[in-house]
Amino acid sequence: MVRIILGAIAVAVLTIIATVAFSPAMATSTDMESYLWSPAGVGRDEIVCKRIVIHPEGRPLPQSSQQQPVQIHSAIVSESYCAGMPKPAY
């Protein structure tokens, strides 16, 4: 009986140690995300809500450059994301 109790305590202690040791770090993202009204595409008149994500790249640039390289991704999302902004009339 004592073996079972000691075994259960050992398993509980190991579980707690593993949970604390292997929990994910409080990581932060350098990506900038925003929502805006924009034309659905080049040459289109339809206005849609788009999610824009700007991700900095680690690619080297010439020393004289004052800019940082980025990747820009956009996707059409539900209009509820842009509900707080007035929809432009194009």
N, C-alpha and C. Protein backbone atom coordinates (compact mmCIF):
# COMPACT_ATOMS: atom_id res chain seq x y z
N MET A 1 0.81 -1.18 0.00
CA MET A 1 0.00 0.00 0.00
C MET A 1 0.86 1.27 0.00
N VAL A 2 1.94 1.20 0.82
CA VAL A 2 2.84 2.35 0.90
C VAL A 2 3.54 2.56 -0.44
N ARG A 3 3.87 1.47 -1.12
CA ARG A 3 4.52 1.58 -2.44
C ARG A 3 3.61 2.31 -3.43
N ILE A 4 2.33 2.00 -3.41
CA ILE A 4 1.39 2.64 -4.33
C ILE A 4 1.29 4.13 -4.05
N ILE A 5 1.22 4.49 -2.77
CA ILE A 5 1.14 5.91 -2.40
C ILE A 5 2.42 6.63 -2.79
N LEU A 6 3.57 6.05 -2.51
CA LEU A 6 4.84 6.67 -2.88
C LEU A 6 4.98 6.77 -4.41
N GLY A 7 4.52 5.78 -5.10
CA GLY A 7 4.55 5.81 -6.57
C GLY A 7 3.66 6.92 -7.11
N ALA A 8 2.48 7.08 -6.54
CA ALA A 8 1.57 8.15 -6.98
C ALA A 8 2.16 9.52 -6.69
N ILE A 9 2.79 9.69 -5.54
CA ILE A 9 3.44 10.97 -5.20
C ILE A 9 4.59 11.25 -6.17
N ALA A 10 5.38 10.22 -6.49
CA ALA A 10 6.50 10.40 -7.41
C ALA A 10 6.00 10.80 -8.80
N VAL A 11 4.93 10.16 -9.26
CA VAL A 11 4.37 10.52 -10.56
C VAL A 11 3.84 11.95 -10.54
N ALA A 12 3.19 12.35 -9.47
CA ALA A 12 2.67 13.72 -9.37
C ALA A 12 3.81 14.73 -9.38
N VAL A 13 4.88 14.47 -8.65
CA VAL A 13 6.03 15.38 -8.61
C VAL A 13 6.68 15.46 -9.98
N LEU A 14 6.86 14.35 -10.64
CA LEU A 14 7.45 14.36 -11.99
C LEU A 14 6.56 15.09 -12.98
N THR A 15 5.27 14.96 -12.86
CA THR A 15 4.34 15.67 -13.74
C THR A 15 4.44 17.18 -13.53
N ILE A 16 4.51 17.60 -12.30
CA ILE A 16 4.63 19.04 -12.00
C ILE A 16 5.96 19.58 -12.52
N ILE A 17 7.04 18.86 -12.32
CA ILE A 17 8.35 19.30 -12.81
C ILE A 17 8.35 19.38 -14.33
N ALA A 18 7.79 18.39 -15.00
CA ALA A 18 7.75 18.40 -16.46
C ALA A 18 6.90 19.54 -16.98
N THR A 19 5.79 19.82 -16.31
CA THR A 19 4.91 20.92 -16.74
C THR A 19 5.62 22.26 -16.63
N VAL A 20 6.33 22.47 -15.55
CA VAL A 20 7.04 23.74 -15.35
C VAL A 20 8.24 23.84 -16.29
N ALA A 21 8.98 22.76 -16.45
CA ALA A 21 10.20 22.79 -17.26
C ALA A 21 9.92 22.89 -18.75
N PHE A 22 8.84 22.31 -19.23
CA PHE A 22 8.59 22.27 -20.66
C PHE A 22 7.43 23.16 -21.10
N SER A 23 6.98 24.06 -20.25
CA SER A 23 5.91 24.96 -20.67
C SER A 23 6.44 25.96 -21.69
N PRO A 24 5.62 26.38 -22.65
CA PRO A 24 6.10 27.30 -23.67
C PRO A 24 6.46 28.65 -23.07
N ALA A 25 7.47 29.28 -23.66
CA ALA A 25 7.91 30.59 -23.20
C ALA A 25 6.88 31.65 -23.57
N MET A 26 6.91 32.75 -22.89
CA MET A 26 6.02 33.87 -23.19
C MET A 26 6.60 34.62 -24.39
N ALA A 27 6.50 34.01 -25.54
CA ALA A 27 7.08 34.57 -26.75
C ALA A 27 6.26 35.76 -27.24
N THR A 28 6.97 36.68 -27.87
CA THR A 28 6.30 37.82 -28.48
C THR A 28 6.55 37.78 -29.97
N SER A 29 5.66 38.36 -30.71
CA SER A 29 5.79 38.38 -32.16
C SER A 29 6.11 39.80 -32.62
N THR A 30 6.99 39.90 -33.60
CA THR A 30 7.31 41.21 -34.15
C THR A 30 6.43 41.52 -35.35
N ASP A 31 5.52 40.61 -35.69
CA ASP A 31 4.62 40.83 -36.81
C ASP A 31 3.60 41.92 -36.47
N MET A 32 3.33 42.78 -37.44
CA MET A 32 2.29 43.78 -37.26
C MET A 32 1.07 43.32 -38.03
N GLU A 33 -0.09 43.34 -37.38
CA GLU A 33 -1.32 42.88 -38.01
C GLU A 33 -2.35 43.99 -37.94
N SER A 34 -3.01 44.26 -39.05
CA SER A 34 -4.07 45.27 -39.04
C SER A 34 -5.16 44.87 -40.04
N TYR A 35 -6.31 45.48 -39.85
CA TYR A 35 -7.46 45.24 -40.72
C TYR A 35 -7.83 46.56 -41.37
N LEU A 36 -8.18 46.52 -42.66
CA LEU A 36 -8.57 47.74 -43.34
C LEU A 36 -9.46 47.44 -44.53
N TRP A 37 -10.23 48.47 -44.92
CA TRP A 37 -11.06 48.36 -46.11
C TRP A 37 -10.16 48.61 -47.31
N SER A 38 -10.30 47.79 -48.32
CA SER A 38 -9.44 47.91 -49.49
C SER A 38 -10.15 47.31 -50.70
N PRO A 39 -9.77 47.74 -51.91
CA PRO A 39 -10.35 47.10 -53.10
C PRO A 39 -10.02 45.60 -53.11
N ALA A 40 -10.92 44.80 -53.64
CA ALA A 40 -10.73 43.35 -53.65
C ALA A 40 -9.52 42.93 -54.48
N GLY A 41 -9.16 43.73 -55.43
CA GLY A 41 -8.00 43.42 -56.26
C GLY A 41 -7.69 44.59 -57.18
N VAL A 42 -6.63 44.45 -57.94
CA VAL A 42 -6.23 45.51 -58.86
C VAL A 42 -7.29 45.66 -59.94
N GLY A 43 -7.78 46.89 -60.11
CA GLY A 43 -8.77 47.16 -61.13
C GLY A 43 -10.19 46.78 -60.75
N ARG A 44 -10.42 46.37 -59.51
CA ARG A 44 -11.77 45.98 -59.08
C ARG A 44 -12.38 47.09 -58.25
N ASP A 45 -13.69 47.27 -58.35
CA ASP A 45 -14.39 48.31 -57.62
C ASP A 45 -14.97 47.84 -56.29
N GLU A 46 -15.03 46.54 -56.08
CA GLU A 46 -15.60 46.00 -54.85
C GLU A 46 -14.68 46.29 -53.66
N ILE A 47 -15.23 46.82 -52.55
CA ILE A 47 -14.46 47.11 -51.35
C ILE A 47 -14.70 45.98 -50.34
N VAL A 48 -13.60 45.40 -49.83
CA VAL A 48 -13.68 44.29 -48.89
C VAL A 48 -12.80 44.58 -47.68
N CYS A 49 -13.02 43.84 -46.61
CA CYS A 49 -12.18 43.95 -45.42
C CYS A 49 -10.99 43.00 -45.60
N LYS A 50 -9.78 43.54 -45.40
CA LYS A 50 -8.57 42.72 -45.56
C LYS A 50 -7.76 42.72 -44.28
N ARG A 51 -7.15 41.57 -44.01
CA ARG A 51 -6.20 41.42 -42.91
C ARG A 51 -4.81 41.56 -43.52
N ILE A 52 -4.03 42.51 -43.02
CA ILE A 52 -2.69 42.76 -43.53
C ILE A 52 -1.70 42.37 -42.43
N VAL A 53 -0.74 41.50 -42.76
CA VAL A 53 0.30 41.10 -41.81
C VAL A 53 1.65 41.49 -42.40
N ILE A 54 2.41 42.26 -41.62
CA ILE A 54 3.74 42.68 -42.04
C ILE A 54 4.75 41.97 -41.15
N HIS A 55 5.63 41.17 -41.76
CA HIS A 55 6.61 40.36 -41.04
C HIS A 55 8.02 40.80 -41.40
N PRO A 56 8.81 41.28 -40.42
CA PRO A 56 10.19 41.68 -40.72
C PRO A 56 11.03 40.47 -41.11
N GLU A 57 11.93 40.66 -42.05
CA GLU A 57 12.84 39.60 -42.49
C GLU A 57 14.23 39.87 -41.95
N GLY A 58 15.01 38.82 -41.82
CA GLY A 58 16.37 38.94 -41.33
C GLY A 58 17.40 39.05 -42.44
N ARG A 59 16.96 39.33 -43.62
CA ARG A 59 17.84 39.37 -44.78
C ARG A 59 18.73 40.63 -44.71
N PRO A 60 20.02 40.49 -45.02
CA PRO A 60 20.91 41.66 -44.96
C PRO A 60 20.68 42.63 -46.11
N LEU A 61 20.84 43.91 -45.81
CA LEU A 61 20.75 44.98 -46.81
C LEU A 61 22.06 45.74 -46.83
N PRO A 62 22.29 46.53 -47.87
CA PRO A 62 23.51 47.34 -47.88
C PRO A 62 23.57 48.28 -46.67
N GLN A 63 24.77 48.60 -46.21
CA GLN A 63 24.96 49.47 -45.05
C GLN A 63 24.29 50.84 -45.24
N SER A 64 24.22 51.30 -46.48
CA SER A 64 23.66 52.63 -46.74
C SER A 64 22.14 52.65 -46.65
N SER A 65 21.50 51.51 -46.61
CA SER A 65 20.04 51.44 -46.59
C SER A 65 19.51 51.76 -45.19
N GLN A 66 18.48 52.59 -45.13
CA GLN A 66 17.83 52.94 -43.87
C GLN A 66 16.53 52.16 -43.68
N GLN A 67 16.26 51.21 -44.56
CA GLN A 67 15.01 50.47 -44.52
C GLN A 67 15.23 49.07 -43.99
N GLN A 68 14.15 48.43 -43.58
CA GLN A 68 14.18 47.06 -43.11
C GLN A 68 13.35 46.21 -44.06
N PRO A 69 13.88 45.08 -44.53
CA PRO A 69 13.08 44.24 -45.44
C PRO A 69 11.92 43.58 -44.70
N VAL A 70 10.76 43.53 -45.35
CA VAL A 70 9.57 42.92 -44.76
C VAL A 70 8.85 42.07 -45.80
N GLN A 71 8.03 41.16 -45.32
CA GLN A 71 7.10 40.42 -46.16
C GLN A 71 5.71 40.90 -45.79
N ILE A 72 4.88 41.14 -46.80
CA ILE A 72 3.51 41.60 -46.55
C ILE A 72 2.55 40.57 -47.10
N HIS A 73 1.64 40.11 -46.24
CA HIS A 73 0.62 39.14 -46.63
C HIS A 73 -0.74 39.77 -46.39
N SER A 74 -1.66 39.59 -47.33
CA SER A 74 -3.02 40.09 -47.14
C SER A 74 -4.02 39.02 -47.52
N ALA A 75 -5.15 39.07 -46.85
CA ALA A 75 -6.22 38.11 -47.13
C ALA A 75 -7.57 38.78 -46.85
N ILE A 76 -8.56 38.44 -47.63
CA ILE A 76 -9.91 38.96 -47.42
C ILE A 76 -10.52 38.20 -46.24
N VAL A 77 -11.08 38.97 -45.29
CA VAL A 77 -11.69 38.38 -44.09
C VAL A 77 -13.12 38.90 -43.95
N SER A 78 -13.80 38.44 -42.93
CA SER A 78 -15.18 38.86 -42.66
C SER A 78 -15.24 40.36 -42.40
N GLU A 79 -16.32 40.99 -42.82
CA GLU A 79 -16.49 42.43 -42.62
C GLU A 79 -16.58 42.80 -41.14
N SER A 80 -16.84 41.84 -40.28
CA SER A 80 -16.94 42.13 -38.84
C SER A 80 -15.61 42.63 -38.27
N TYR A 81 -14.48 42.25 -38.88
CA TYR A 81 -13.18 42.72 -38.42
C TYR A 81 -13.00 44.22 -38.67
N CYS A 82 -13.63 44.76 -39.68
CA CYS A 82 -13.50 46.18 -40.04
C CYS A 82 -14.72 46.98 -39.60
N ALA A 83 -15.55 46.40 -38.75
CA ALA A 83 -16.80 47.05 -38.37
C ALA A 83 -16.61 48.40 -37.69
N GLY A 84 -15.49 48.59 -37.00
CA GLY A 84 -15.26 49.84 -36.28
C GLY A 84 -14.76 50.97 -37.16
N MET A 85 -14.52 50.71 -38.43
CA MET A 85 -13.99 51.72 -39.34
C MET A 85 -15.02 52.05 -40.40
N PRO A 86 -15.11 53.30 -40.79
CA PRO A 86 -16.06 53.64 -41.86
C PRO A 86 -15.61 53.04 -43.19
N LYS A 87 -16.55 52.51 -43.92
CA LYS A 87 -16.25 51.90 -45.22
C LYS A 87 -16.13 53.02 -46.26
N PRO A 88 -15.00 53.11 -46.95
CA PRO A 88 -14.83 54.18 -47.93
C PRO A 88 -15.70 53.96 -49.16
N ALA A 89 -16.06 55.03 -49.80
CA ALA A 89 -16.85 54.96 -51.03
C ALA A 89 -15.93 55.25 -52.20
N TYR A 90 -15.60 54.26 -52.97
CA TYR A 90 -14.72 54.44 -54.12
C TYR A 90 -15.51 54.70 -55.37
